[in-house]
Amino acid sequence: MSTTLKVLSAKKVIASHQIEKGNQLTIEARDKSNYQLIDDQTGLGPQNIIVKREGNDLKIFLEDGDMSADVIIKNYYDQTENTSNLLVGEHENGNIYAYVPESGMKTDAVSMLAEQVAAPQALGGEEIGAFWAFNPWWLLALAPIAAGIAIAASNGGSDSGNGNNGGNNNNTDTTADKPTITLETNGNVTVKPGDDNTKVVITYTDEDSNDKTATVEKDANGSWKSDDSNVEVNQDGTFTIPANKVKDNSEVNAKGTDDKNNTTDADSKIAGDTKKPGDSNGDGVVNGNDNSTDKAELPRGLELPRNTAGAPNIVFGEDQDADGKLNAGESVSIDGNRAITPVYITIPDKTEVGDNLVLTINGTEKVIPVTKEMITAGYIIEQVSTDKDSDVTVTAKVTDPAGNESKMATAVLAVDTIAPTIEPTVTANLADGSVSIDLPADLEVGDKVEVSYTPEGTTEPKKVTLTKQSDGTFKSDDPNVEVNETKATIPANKVADGQPVVAKAVDAAGNAG
């Protein structure tokens, strides 16, 4: 024994479900719809059923010897206090009737049941149409309910023309049901087709800013098939565009088409923004825990994480020893008559096309729209002026249209390309064979005097560094070279005879005189 449940709007059959004995059918309630039960053996409505309310759900028990509910209509009571969505069936006289309480009590009516109340129902009451109409139960209740129960077979042969079309002979279908678009908290976009839809066309923008059109159609078996791998068909008949397949803050549209080729547009939605630039661990907070494991390959063989502690990394390309200072030997780039140096700024994790890289160079802001090429490369190159001996300060962060930001990075380069003009004086002392170096008094703290000499008993020159201290003295890194405030001395027994001794002044940036 099998039974069919049809869901009918005011104009047409929205859905048809087969109910097999022992298999429970669960469907969602639909506003402004009637539910017609049909015994597949007779083509008529079952004469008697039992209904029960549990929460907002309606349970229907067919008289088939099974003690379990055959049909559950979820949220049937979630529309209004007294729903006008009726259970109906066709009597053998050819007319359509609602299921009414066998008790004749209004409170046992399907639409008025209290929580956990069950009540037997039978076809009866006033003749109605199968298709939904605004016909709330309390209007039907004005008729003598009890008198309408167990309609006599002698009433058959009606020429009212109601039958299965419910007396609606002119239900011209001109519109499709509207699909709905839902933005999920995880960034996914879900599209639910309209109840009568056989095709849904979805338009959206992918992560690479490409306009996409996906067509999802229902096949002969009632299964949905998508022609776009980015649009997934779910078991419940909805469709999902995952967060990583749809561009943040872009518009998503859907158009539903029914089997009569009527179309209706969904209310468009703007995809949410769940990605925060620099949020490597994806916890929704950009902080010191966000250290990228994805490295950008920079020029000169350098590799740097895309972000450290949630911020871009900034590298001055010509600062070869990474000491934060740029001297004349390192600075070789010229743009026209202007000295420049390249700055490499990495692009943090979770940065998307349409975000902005916001730089400041010595206080002047520059906003660079992020492109796909920038994300693929992992960094950009910005040229900054080094015309003057001074500090160059660069800051960098990424912002997105939703107002999310990476942490800000700051890097400072001390530009000093002018070499000292004072040279140390080297003197060979003939009286005792030692060598002395006069140290320039006007060198600054941190400046150096580099001395090259060949130690006694060797043939290879050795470099010694004498660094000026804050108290005005010099500190030697070679114990064989004795030093005071004004002079360094290499004793005769520490320096090879006949070998050159050379000294030069080098400033803190590495410029040599």
Protein backbone atom coordinates (compact mmCIF):
# COMPACT_ATOMS: atom_id res chain seq x y z
CA MET A 1 0.00 0.00 0.00
CA SER A 2 1.32 3.41 -0.92
CA THR A 3 0.02 6.94 -0.54
CA THR A 4 0.92 10.17 -2.32
CA LEU A 5 1.17 13.54 -0.62
CA LYS A 6 0.83 16.54 -2.92
CA VAL A 7 1.83 20.05 -1.88
CA LEU A 8 -0.42 22.59 -3.65
CA SER A 9 -0.07 26.35 -3.83
CA ALA A 10 -2.89 28.61 -4.96
CA LYS A 11 -2.09 27.79 -8.57
CA LYS A 12 -0.29 24.52 -9.02
CA VAL A 13 1.21 21.35 -7.61
CA ILE A 14 4.48 22.35 -5.95
CA ALA A 15 5.71 18.89 -5.04
CA SER A 16 4.55 15.27 -5.02
CA HIS A 17 5.90 12.77 -2.47
CA GLN A 18 5.45 8.99 -2.36
CA ILE A 19 4.76 7.46 1.06
CA GLU A 20 5.61 3.79 1.33
CA LYS A 21 4.47 1.73 4.30
CA GLY A 22 7.20 1.59 6.93
CA ASN A 23 9.07 4.59 5.47
CA GLN A 24 8.53 7.93 7.15
CA LEU A 25 8.25 11.07 4.97
CA THR A 26 9.54 14.33 6.47
CA ILE A 27 9.03 17.64 4.67
CA GLU A 28 9.25 21.31 5.56
CA ALA A 29 5.98 23.23 5.81
CA ARG A 30 5.30 25.72 3.05
CA ASP A 31 3.34 28.91 3.57
CA LYS A 32 0.03 29.27 1.69
CA SER A 33 -0.16 25.61 0.70
CA ASN A 34 -2.58 22.72 1.12
CA TYR A 35 -1.53 19.10 1.53
CA GLN A 36 -3.57 16.53 -0.43
CA LEU A 37 -3.46 12.85 0.55
CA ILE A 38 -4.16 10.31 -2.21
CA ASP A 39 -4.51 6.55 -1.77
CA ASP A 40 -2.59 5.28 -4.81
CA GLN A 41 -4.84 2.23 -5.08
CA THR A 42 -8.14 4.15 -5.26
CA GLY A 43 -7.00 7.58 -6.37
CA LEU A 44 -9.07 9.05 -3.53
CA GLY A 45 -8.18 10.53 -0.19
CA PRO A 46 -7.95 8.11 2.77
CA GLN A 47 -11.29 8.34 4.59
CA ASN A 48 -9.75 8.46 8.06
CA ILE A 49 -6.39 9.56 9.48
CA ILE A 50 -4.97 10.51 12.89
CA VAL A 51 -3.00 13.70 13.42
CA LYS A 52 -0.83 14.83 16.33
CA ARG A 53 0.98 18.03 17.16
CA GLU A 54 4.52 17.85 18.59
CA GLY A 55 6.07 21.25 19.04
CA ASN A 56 5.56 23.06 15.76
CA ASP A 57 5.50 19.80 13.79
CA LEU A 58 2.41 18.00 12.50
CA LYS A 59 2.48 14.20 12.47
CA ILE A 60 0.07 12.24 10.25
CA PHE A 61 -0.80 8.58 10.92
CA LEU A 62 -2.43 6.64 8.09
CA GLU A 63 -4.66 3.76 9.02
CA ASP A 64 -2.25 1.16 7.66
CA GLY A 65 -1.57 -0.78 10.85
CA ASP A 66 1.72 1.04 11.45
CA MET A 67 1.92 2.79 14.84
CA SER A 68 4.63 5.21 13.67
CA ALA A 69 3.90 8.54 12.01
CA ASP A 70 3.84 8.18 8.23
CA VAL A 71 4.31 11.90 7.52
CA ILE A 72 5.96 14.69 9.50
CA ILE A 73 5.41 18.27 8.30
CA LYS A 74 8.10 20.31 10.03
CA ASN A 75 7.09 23.74 11.36
CA TYR A 76 3.49 23.33 10.22
CA TYR A 77 2.43 25.43 13.23
CA ASP A 78 5.18 28.00 12.72
CA GLN A 79 3.22 30.24 10.36
CA THR A 80 0.33 31.78 12.31
CA GLU A 81 -1.59 30.90 15.43
CA ASN A 82 -4.36 29.32 13.35
CA THR A 83 -2.84 28.22 10.06
CA SER A 84 -4.97 28.24 6.93
CA ASN A 85 -2.90 25.44 5.37
CA LEU A 86 -5.25 22.45 5.25
CA LEU A 87 -5.04 18.69 4.89
CA VAL A 88 -7.42 17.75 2.07
CA GLY A 89 -8.52 14.71 0.10
CA GLU A 90 -10.88 13.72 -2.71
CA HIS A 91 -14.09 11.94 -1.76
CA GLU A 92 -15.58 9.24 -3.97
CA ASN A 93 -18.24 11.77 -5.00
CA GLY A 94 -15.48 13.61 -6.88
CA ASN A 95 -15.35 16.61 -4.57
CA ILE A 96 -12.47 17.87 -2.39
CA TYR A 97 -12.93 18.17 1.38
CA ALA A 98 -10.73 19.04 4.31
CA TYR A 99 -9.96 16.55 7.06
CA VAL A 100 -12.10 17.54 10.04
CA PRO A 101 -12.19 16.18 13.61
CA GLU A 102 -14.38 13.13 14.13
CA SER A 103 -15.23 14.55 17.54
CA GLY A 104 -16.85 17.56 15.95
CA MET A 105 -14.87 19.75 18.41
CA LYS A 106 -13.22 22.84 17.02
CA THR A 107 -10.15 22.34 19.27
CA ASP A 108 -9.50 18.98 17.58
CA ALA A 109 -9.21 20.61 14.17
CA VAL A 110 -5.83 19.98 12.51
CA SER A 111 -4.87 23.64 12.47
CA MET A 112 -5.88 24.23 16.10
CA LEU A 113 -4.36 21.28 17.92
CA ALA A 114 -2.63 22.00 21.20
CA GLU A 115 0.85 20.67 22.00
CA GLN A 116 0.98 16.83 22.27
CA VAL A 117 -2.72 16.46 21.34
CA ALA A 118 -3.77 13.75 18.87
CA ALA A 119 -7.16 13.63 17.16
CA PRO A 120 -8.80 11.32 14.56
CA GLN A 121 -9.83 13.11 11.35
CA ALA A 122 -12.18 12.28 8.49
CA LEU A 123 -13.06 13.90 5.19
CA GLY A 124 -15.96 16.24 5.83
CA GLY A 125 -17.14 19.78 6.31
CA GLU A 126 -17.82 22.00 3.33
CA GLU A 127 -16.71 21.22 -0.19
CA ILE A 128 -13.51 23.17 -1.02
CA GLY A 129 -10.86 23.30 -3.72
CA ALA A 130 -7.63 21.34 -3.53
CA PHE A 131 -5.53 24.42 -4.24
CA TRP A 132 -4.79 26.76 -1.37
CA ALA A 133 -7.07 29.71 -0.80
CA PHE A 134 -7.47 32.11 2.09
CA ASN A 135 -10.00 29.96 3.91
CA PRO A 136 -9.01 29.87 7.59
CA TRP A 137 -10.35 27.04 9.72
CA TRP A 138 -12.53 29.21 11.85
CA LEU A 139 -14.60 30.02 8.74
CA LEU A 140 -14.97 26.35 7.95
CA ALA A 141 -15.90 25.76 11.57
CA LEU A 142 -19.07 27.79 11.09
CA ALA A 143 -20.48 24.90 9.07
CA PRO A 144 -22.04 22.01 11.00
CA ILE A 145 -18.85 19.97 11.24
CA ALA A 146 -20.34 16.84 12.68
CA ALA A 147 -22.97 16.74 9.98
CA GLY A 148 -20.28 16.74 7.33
CA ILE A 149 -18.33 13.80 8.67
CA ALA A 150 -18.52 10.50 6.80
CA ILE A 151 -20.00 12.01 3.68
CA ALA A 152 -22.63 9.75 2.23
CA ALA A 153 -21.81 8.01 -0.99
CA SER A 154 -25.19 9.14 -2.31
CA ASN A 155 -23.65 12.61 -2.66
CA GLY A 156 -21.53 11.28 -5.53
CA GLY A 157 -21.98 12.31 -9.12
CA SER A 158 -21.52 16.00 -8.48
CA ASP A 159 -21.26 18.07 -11.62
CA SER A 160 -19.45 20.86 -9.81
CA GLY A 161 -16.31 20.07 -11.75
CA ASN A 162 -14.07 20.27 -8.67
CA GLY A 163 -12.35 16.88 -8.81
CA ASN A 164 -8.60 16.91 -8.52
CA ASN A 165 -8.30 20.44 -9.80
CA GLY A 166 -10.25 21.64 -6.78
CA GLY A 167 -12.74 23.66 -8.83
CA ASN A 168 -9.97 25.90 -10.12
CA ASN A 169 -10.25 25.65 -13.89
CA ASN A 170 -8.41 28.89 -14.63
CA ASN A 171 -5.27 28.61 -12.54
CA THR A 172 -2.95 30.09 -15.16
CA ASP A 173 0.64 29.82 -13.94
CA THR A 174 2.63 32.95 -14.75
CA THR A 175 5.32 33.06 -12.06
CA ALA A 176 7.95 30.74 -10.63
CA ASP A 177 8.62 30.49 -6.91
CA LYS A 178 11.47 32.68 -5.72
CA PRO A 179 14.82 31.13 -4.76
CA THR A 180 16.36 32.36 -1.51
CA ILE A 181 20.01 33.23 -0.85
CA THR A 182 21.44 32.84 2.66
CA LEU A 183 24.81 34.11 3.88
CA GLU A 184 26.30 31.59 6.32
CA THR A 185 28.44 32.67 9.28
CA ASN A 186 31.42 30.72 7.90
CA GLY A 187 31.38 32.75 4.68
CA ASN A 188 29.58 30.14 2.56
CA VAL A 189 26.64 31.25 0.40
CA THR A 190 23.62 28.92 0.27
CA VAL A 191 20.95 29.07 -2.43
CA LYS A 192 17.60 27.35 -1.86
CA PRO A 193 15.55 26.84 -5.03
CA GLY A 194 11.90 27.87 -5.13
CA ASP A 195 9.49 24.99 -4.51
CA ASP A 196 8.49 24.71 -8.17
CA ASN A 197 11.91 25.45 -9.63
CA THR A 198 13.39 23.02 -12.12
CA LYS A 199 16.37 25.24 -12.92
CA VAL A 200 18.31 27.87 -10.98
CA VAL A 201 20.89 30.15 -12.60
CA ILE A 202 23.34 31.59 -10.07
CA THR A 203 25.67 34.50 -10.82
CA TYR A 204 28.59 35.37 -8.56
CA THR A 205 32.21 36.57 -8.60
CA ASP A 206 35.01 34.13 -7.80
CA GLU A 207 38.11 34.83 -5.71
CA ASP A 208 40.02 35.96 -8.80
CA SER A 209 37.36 38.58 -9.61
CA ASN A 210 36.01 36.56 -12.54
CA ASP A 211 32.26 36.82 -13.18
CA LYS A 212 30.77 33.32 -13.00
CA THR A 213 27.41 31.85 -14.04
CA ALA A 214 26.34 28.46 -12.69
CA THR A 215 23.28 26.57 -13.90
CA VAL A 216 21.76 23.96 -11.58
CA GLU A 217 18.99 21.83 -13.13
CA LYS A 218 16.73 19.08 -11.87
CA ASP A 219 16.98 15.87 -13.89
CA ALA A 220 14.26 13.33 -14.70
CA ASN A 221 14.86 11.60 -11.35
CA GLY A 222 14.36 14.82 -9.42
CA SER A 223 18.07 15.19 -8.62
CA TRP A 224 19.84 18.52 -8.98
CA LYS A 225 22.96 18.74 -11.16
CA SER A 226 25.36 21.72 -11.25
CA ASP A 227 27.51 22.64 -14.25
CA ASP A 228 29.93 24.55 -12.01
CA SER A 229 32.23 22.61 -9.67
CA ASN A 230 32.34 25.64 -7.35
CA VAL A 231 28.58 25.35 -6.74
CA GLU A 232 27.93 22.24 -4.65
CA VAL A 233 24.57 20.45 -4.52
CA ASN A 234 23.62 19.43 -0.97
CA GLN A 235 21.53 16.44 0.09
CA ASP A 236 18.68 18.71 1.19
CA GLY A 237 18.35 20.16 -2.31
CA THR A 238 20.12 23.43 -1.56
CA PHE A 239 23.27 24.67 -3.28
CA THR A 240 26.42 26.03 -1.62
CA ILE A 241 29.21 28.27 -2.88
CA PRO A 242 32.07 27.75 -0.39
CA ALA A 243 33.63 30.85 1.16
CA ASN A 244 36.91 30.27 -0.66
CA LYS A 245 35.13 30.19 -4.04
CA VAL A 246 33.23 33.47 -3.82
CA LYS A 247 34.83 36.90 -3.57
CA ASP A 248 34.17 38.76 -0.34
CA ASN A 249 31.81 41.73 -0.61
CA SER A 250 30.64 40.70 -4.10
CA GLU A 251 27.01 40.32 -5.20
CA VAL A 252 25.36 36.90 -5.53
CA ASN A 253 22.16 36.52 -7.59
CA ALA A 254 19.88 33.60 -8.43
CA LYS A 255 17.05 33.20 -10.94
CA GLY A 256 14.56 30.35 -10.57
CA THR A 257 12.71 28.78 -13.51
CA ASP A 258 9.70 26.43 -13.26
CA ASP A 259 8.52 23.72 -15.66
CA LYS A 260 6.45 26.28 -17.60
CA ASN A 261 9.51 28.44 -18.15
CA ASN A 262 8.34 31.14 -15.76
CA THR A 263 11.20 32.89 -13.98
CA THR A 264 11.65 34.79 -10.71
CA ASP A 265 14.74 36.51 -9.33
CA ALA A 266 15.91 35.95 -5.78
CA ASP A 267 16.73 38.86 -3.51
CA SER A 268 20.44 39.34 -4.20
CA LYS A 269 22.93 39.23 -1.33
CA ILE A 270 26.47 40.55 -0.78
CA ALA A 271 28.89 37.77 0.14
CA GLY A 272 30.36 38.21 3.60
CA ASP A 273 33.98 38.90 4.41
CA THR A 274 35.47 36.21 6.66
CA LYS A 275 39.12 36.64 5.66
CA LYS A 276 41.32 39.06 7.56
CA PRO A 277 44.67 40.01 6.04
CA GLY A 278 47.48 38.54 8.10
CA ASP A 279 45.25 36.06 9.96
CA SER A 280 47.44 33.05 9.19
CA ASN A 281 45.93 30.71 11.78
CA GLY A 282 42.35 31.60 10.81
CA ASP A 283 41.14 32.30 14.34
CA GLY A 284 39.57 35.60 13.31
CA VAL A 285 42.06 37.69 15.29
CA VAL A 286 45.21 39.20 13.77
CA ASN A 287 47.93 39.20 16.42
CA GLY A 288 51.39 37.99 17.35
CA ASN A 289 50.39 34.36 16.80
CA ASP A 290 49.92 34.86 13.06
CA ASN A 291 53.21 33.79 11.52
CA SER A 292 52.98 32.67 7.92
CA THR A 293 54.52 29.38 6.84
CA ASP A 294 54.25 30.46 3.20
CA LYS A 295 57.48 32.14 2.12
CA ALA A 296 57.84 34.75 -0.60
CA GLU A 297 60.92 34.40 -2.81
CA LEU A 298 62.54 37.83 -3.09
CA PRO A 299 65.44 38.93 -5.32
CA ARG A 300 69.01 38.02 -4.32
CA GLY A 301 67.79 34.61 -3.14
CA LEU A 302 66.06 36.05 -0.10
CA GLU A 303 63.07 34.16 1.35
CA LEU A 304 60.72 35.74 3.85
CA PRO A 305 57.39 34.71 5.41
CA ARG A 306 54.41 36.53 3.93
CA ASN A 307 53.73 37.92 7.37
CA THR A 308 55.28 37.84 10.82
CA ALA A 309 53.07 38.48 13.86
CA GLY A 310 50.25 39.39 11.48
CA ALA A 311 52.23 42.13 9.68
CA PRO A 312 53.97 42.29 6.29
CA ASN A 313 57.76 41.99 6.20
CA ILE A 314 59.79 44.93 4.87
CA VAL A 315 63.32 44.52 3.48
CA PHE A 316 65.61 47.17 2.00
CA GLY A 317 67.02 45.41 -1.03
CA GLU A 318 70.49 47.00 -1.12
CA ASP A 319 71.17 46.70 2.59
CA GLN A 320 73.22 43.61 1.93
CA ASP A 321 74.39 42.98 5.47
CA ALA A 322 70.89 43.75 6.87
CA ASP A 323 72.32 46.13 9.46
CA GLY A 324 69.71 48.84 8.83
CA LYS A 325 72.31 51.11 7.23
CA LEU A 326 72.92 51.94 3.57
CA ASN A 327 76.39 53.12 2.58
CA ALA A 328 77.88 54.28 -0.69
CA GLY A 329 79.15 50.82 -1.52
CA GLU A 330 75.67 49.29 -1.20
CA SER A 331 73.63 52.04 -2.85
CA VAL A 332 74.01 51.64 -6.61
CA SER A 333 70.52 52.42 -7.99
CA ILE A 334 69.98 55.64 -9.92
CA ASP A 335 66.72 56.91 -11.40
CA GLY A 336 67.72 59.74 -13.68
CA ASN A 337 69.68 62.03 -11.40
CA ARG A 338 68.03 60.66 -8.29
CA ALA A 339 69.55 58.04 -5.99
CA ILE A 340 67.03 55.36 -5.04
CA THR A 341 66.94 52.00 -3.29
CA PRO A 342 64.39 49.16 -3.65
CA VAL A 343 62.13 48.17 -0.77
CA TYR A 344 60.51 44.70 -0.75
CA ILE A 345 57.14 44.45 1.02
CA THR A 346 55.56 41.00 1.43
CA ILE A 347 51.83 40.36 0.93
CA PRO A 348 50.27 38.74 4.04
CA ASP A 349 48.20 35.56 4.16
CA LYS A 350 44.44 35.95 3.52
CA THR A 351 45.02 39.05 1.36
CA GLU A 352 42.56 39.17 -1.56
CA VAL A 353 42.26 40.98 -4.85
CA GLY A 354 40.53 44.29 -4.11
CA ASP A 355 42.24 44.79 -0.75
CA ASN A 356 44.67 47.69 -0.40
CA LEU A 357 48.34 47.71 0.55
CA VAL A 358 48.78 50.93 2.51
CA LEU A 359 52.35 52.27 2.65
CA THR A 360 53.86 55.34 4.22
CA ILE A 361 57.30 56.47 3.11
CA ASN A 362 58.71 59.12 5.42
CA GLY A 363 55.17 60.06 6.42
CA THR A 364 53.68 60.20 2.90
CA GLU A 365 50.90 57.66 2.39
CA LYS A 366 50.59 55.58 -0.75
CA VAL A 367 47.65 53.19 -1.34
CA ILE A 368 48.24 50.32 -3.76
CA PRO A 369 45.24 48.16 -4.84
CA VAL A 370 46.12 44.48 -4.44
CA THR A 371 46.19 42.49 -7.67
CA LYS A 372 46.28 38.79 -8.39
CA GLU A 373 49.87 39.16 -9.58
CA MET A 374 50.92 40.69 -6.26
CA ILE A 375 49.37 37.80 -4.32
CA THR A 376 51.00 35.21 -6.59
CA ALA A 377 54.45 36.84 -6.33
CA GLY A 378 54.09 37.30 -2.58
CA TYR A 379 55.70 40.73 -2.54
CA ILE A 380 56.02 44.08 -4.31
CA ILE A 381 58.99 46.36 -4.96
CA GLU A 382 58.77 50.04 -4.10
CA GLN A 383 61.59 52.47 -4.92
CA VAL A 384 62.46 55.08 -2.28
CA SER A 385 64.75 58.09 -2.56
CA THR A 386 68.20 58.04 -0.93
CA ASP A 387 69.36 61.44 -2.18
CA LYS A 388 69.94 62.73 1.34
CA ASP A 389 71.90 61.19 4.16
CA SER A 390 69.04 60.61 6.58
CA ASP A 391 66.68 57.90 7.82
CA VAL A 392 64.10 56.34 5.49
CA THR A 393 61.04 55.09 7.40
CA VAL A 394 58.57 52.74 5.69
CA THR A 395 55.36 51.35 7.17
CA ALA A 396 53.06 48.78 5.55
CA LYS A 397 49.71 47.14 6.26
CA VAL A 398 46.86 45.59 4.25
CA THR A 399 43.24 46.68 4.61
CA ASP A 400 40.13 45.12 3.06
CA PRO A 401 36.78 46.67 2.06
CA ALA A 402 35.14 45.31 5.23
CA GLY A 403 37.53 47.31 7.39
CA ASN A 404 39.74 44.39 8.46
CA GLU A 405 43.45 45.14 8.71
CA SER A 406 46.71 43.28 9.05
CA LYS A 407 49.11 44.43 11.70
CA MET A 408 51.38 47.30 10.64
CA ALA A 409 55.06 46.72 9.94
CA THR A 410 57.70 49.45 10.32
CA ALA A 411 61.26 49.44 9.00
CA VAL A 412 63.91 52.17 9.19
CA LEU A 413 66.99 52.51 6.98
CA ALA A 414 69.80 54.88 7.91
CA VAL A 415 71.14 56.30 4.66
CA ASP A 416 74.78 57.45 4.83
CA THR A 417 76.65 57.48 1.53
CA ILE A 418 79.25 60.16 2.32
CA ALA A 419 82.68 58.78 3.21
CA PRO A 420 84.93 60.31 5.89
CA THR A 421 87.35 62.88 4.43
CA ILE A 422 90.06 62.50 7.09
CA GLU A 423 92.63 59.78 6.64
CA PRO A 424 94.69 58.20 9.45
CA THR A 425 98.47 58.70 9.23
CA VAL A 426 100.72 55.63 9.29
CA THR A 427 104.34 56.15 10.53
CA ALA A 428 107.19 53.62 10.64
CA ASN A 429 109.38 54.28 13.68
CA LEU A 430 112.96 53.59 12.57
CA ALA A 431 114.34 53.84 16.09
CA ASP A 432 112.51 50.80 17.52
CA GLY A 433 110.92 49.19 14.40
CA SER A 434 107.32 49.72 15.55
CA VAL A 435 104.51 51.19 13.44
CA SER A 436 102.16 53.91 14.73
CA ILE A 437 98.81 55.09 13.36
CA ASP A 438 97.52 58.57 14.22
CA LEU A 439 93.77 58.36 14.90
CA PRO A 440 91.63 61.31 13.61
CA ALA A 441 90.11 63.18 16.53
CA ASP A 442 86.92 64.21 14.73
CA LEU A 443 85.65 60.71 13.98
CA GLU A 444 82.21 60.09 15.49
CA VAL A 445 81.23 57.45 18.02
CA GLY A 446 80.85 54.17 16.17
CA ASP A 447 83.21 55.17 13.36
CA LYS A 448 86.18 52.89 12.79
CA VAL A 449 89.77 52.87 11.66
CA GLU A 450 90.59 49.70 9.74
CA VAL A 451 94.27 48.70 9.76
CA SER A 452 95.81 46.06 7.53
CA TYR A 453 99.24 44.64 8.45
CA THR A 454 101.21 41.41 8.21
CA PRO A 455 102.04 39.83 11.59
CA GLU A 456 105.59 38.71 12.35
CA GLY A 457 106.27 35.21 11.05
CA THR A 458 103.41 35.20 8.53
CA THR A 459 102.90 36.21 4.94
CA GLU A 460 99.16 36.91 4.98
CA PRO A 461 97.87 40.41 5.84
CA LYS A 462 95.51 40.76 8.81
CA LYS A 463 92.73 43.32 9.28
CA VAL A 464 92.31 45.05 12.63
CA THR A 465 89.36 47.24 13.53
CA LEU A 466 89.69 50.14 15.93
CA THR A 467 86.25 51.45 17.01
CA LYS A 468 85.68 54.85 18.56
CA GLN A 469 83.92 54.64 21.94
CA SER A 470 81.57 57.08 23.64
CA ASP A 471 84.37 58.26 25.97
CA GLY A 472 86.52 59.27 23.01
CA THR A 473 88.93 56.33 23.19
CA PHE A 474 89.32 53.59 20.58
CA LYS A 475 88.89 49.87 21.16
CA SER A 476 91.04 47.38 19.23
CA ASP A 477 89.86 43.88 18.27
CA ASP A 478 93.52 42.69 18.11
CA PRO A 479 95.56 42.59 21.36
CA ASN A 480 98.76 42.98 19.32
CA VAL A 481 97.69 46.49 18.34
CA GLU A 482 97.96 48.84 21.29
CA VAL A 483 95.67 51.86 21.25
CA ASN A 484 94.95 55.04 23.20
CA GLU A 485 92.86 58.13 22.45
CA THR A 486 95.04 59.44 19.63
CA LYS A 487 97.35 56.69 18.49
CA ALA A 488 97.55 52.97 17.77
CA THR A 489 100.89 51.14 17.89
CA ILE A 490 102.04 47.81 16.47
CA PRO A 491 105.19 46.71 18.30
CA ALA A 492 108.24 45.76 16.17
CA ASN A 493 108.07 42.11 17.22
CA LYS A 494 104.41 41.90 16.08
CA VAL A 495 104.77 43.23 12.55
CA ALA A 496 106.71 41.65 9.68
CA ASP A 497 109.63 43.65 8.35
CA GLY A 498 109.29 45.17 4.91
CA GLN A 499 105.48 44.58 4.66
CA PRO A 500 103.01 47.43 4.07
CA VAL A 501 100.76 48.78 6.81
CA VAL A 502 97.59 50.49 5.55
CA ALA A 503 94.90 52.39 7.53
CA LYS A 504 91.58 53.94 6.49
CA ALA A 505 88.66 55.59 8.24
CA VAL A 506 85.23 53.91 7.93
CA ASP A 507 82.03 55.52 9.24
CA ALA A 508 79.22 53.68 11.01
CA ALA A 509 77.36 53.14 7.72
CA GLY A 510 80.40 51.44 6.21
CA ASN A 511 81.59 54.27 3.98
CA ALA A 512 85.41 54.19 3.69
CA GLY A 513 87.66 57.22 3.30
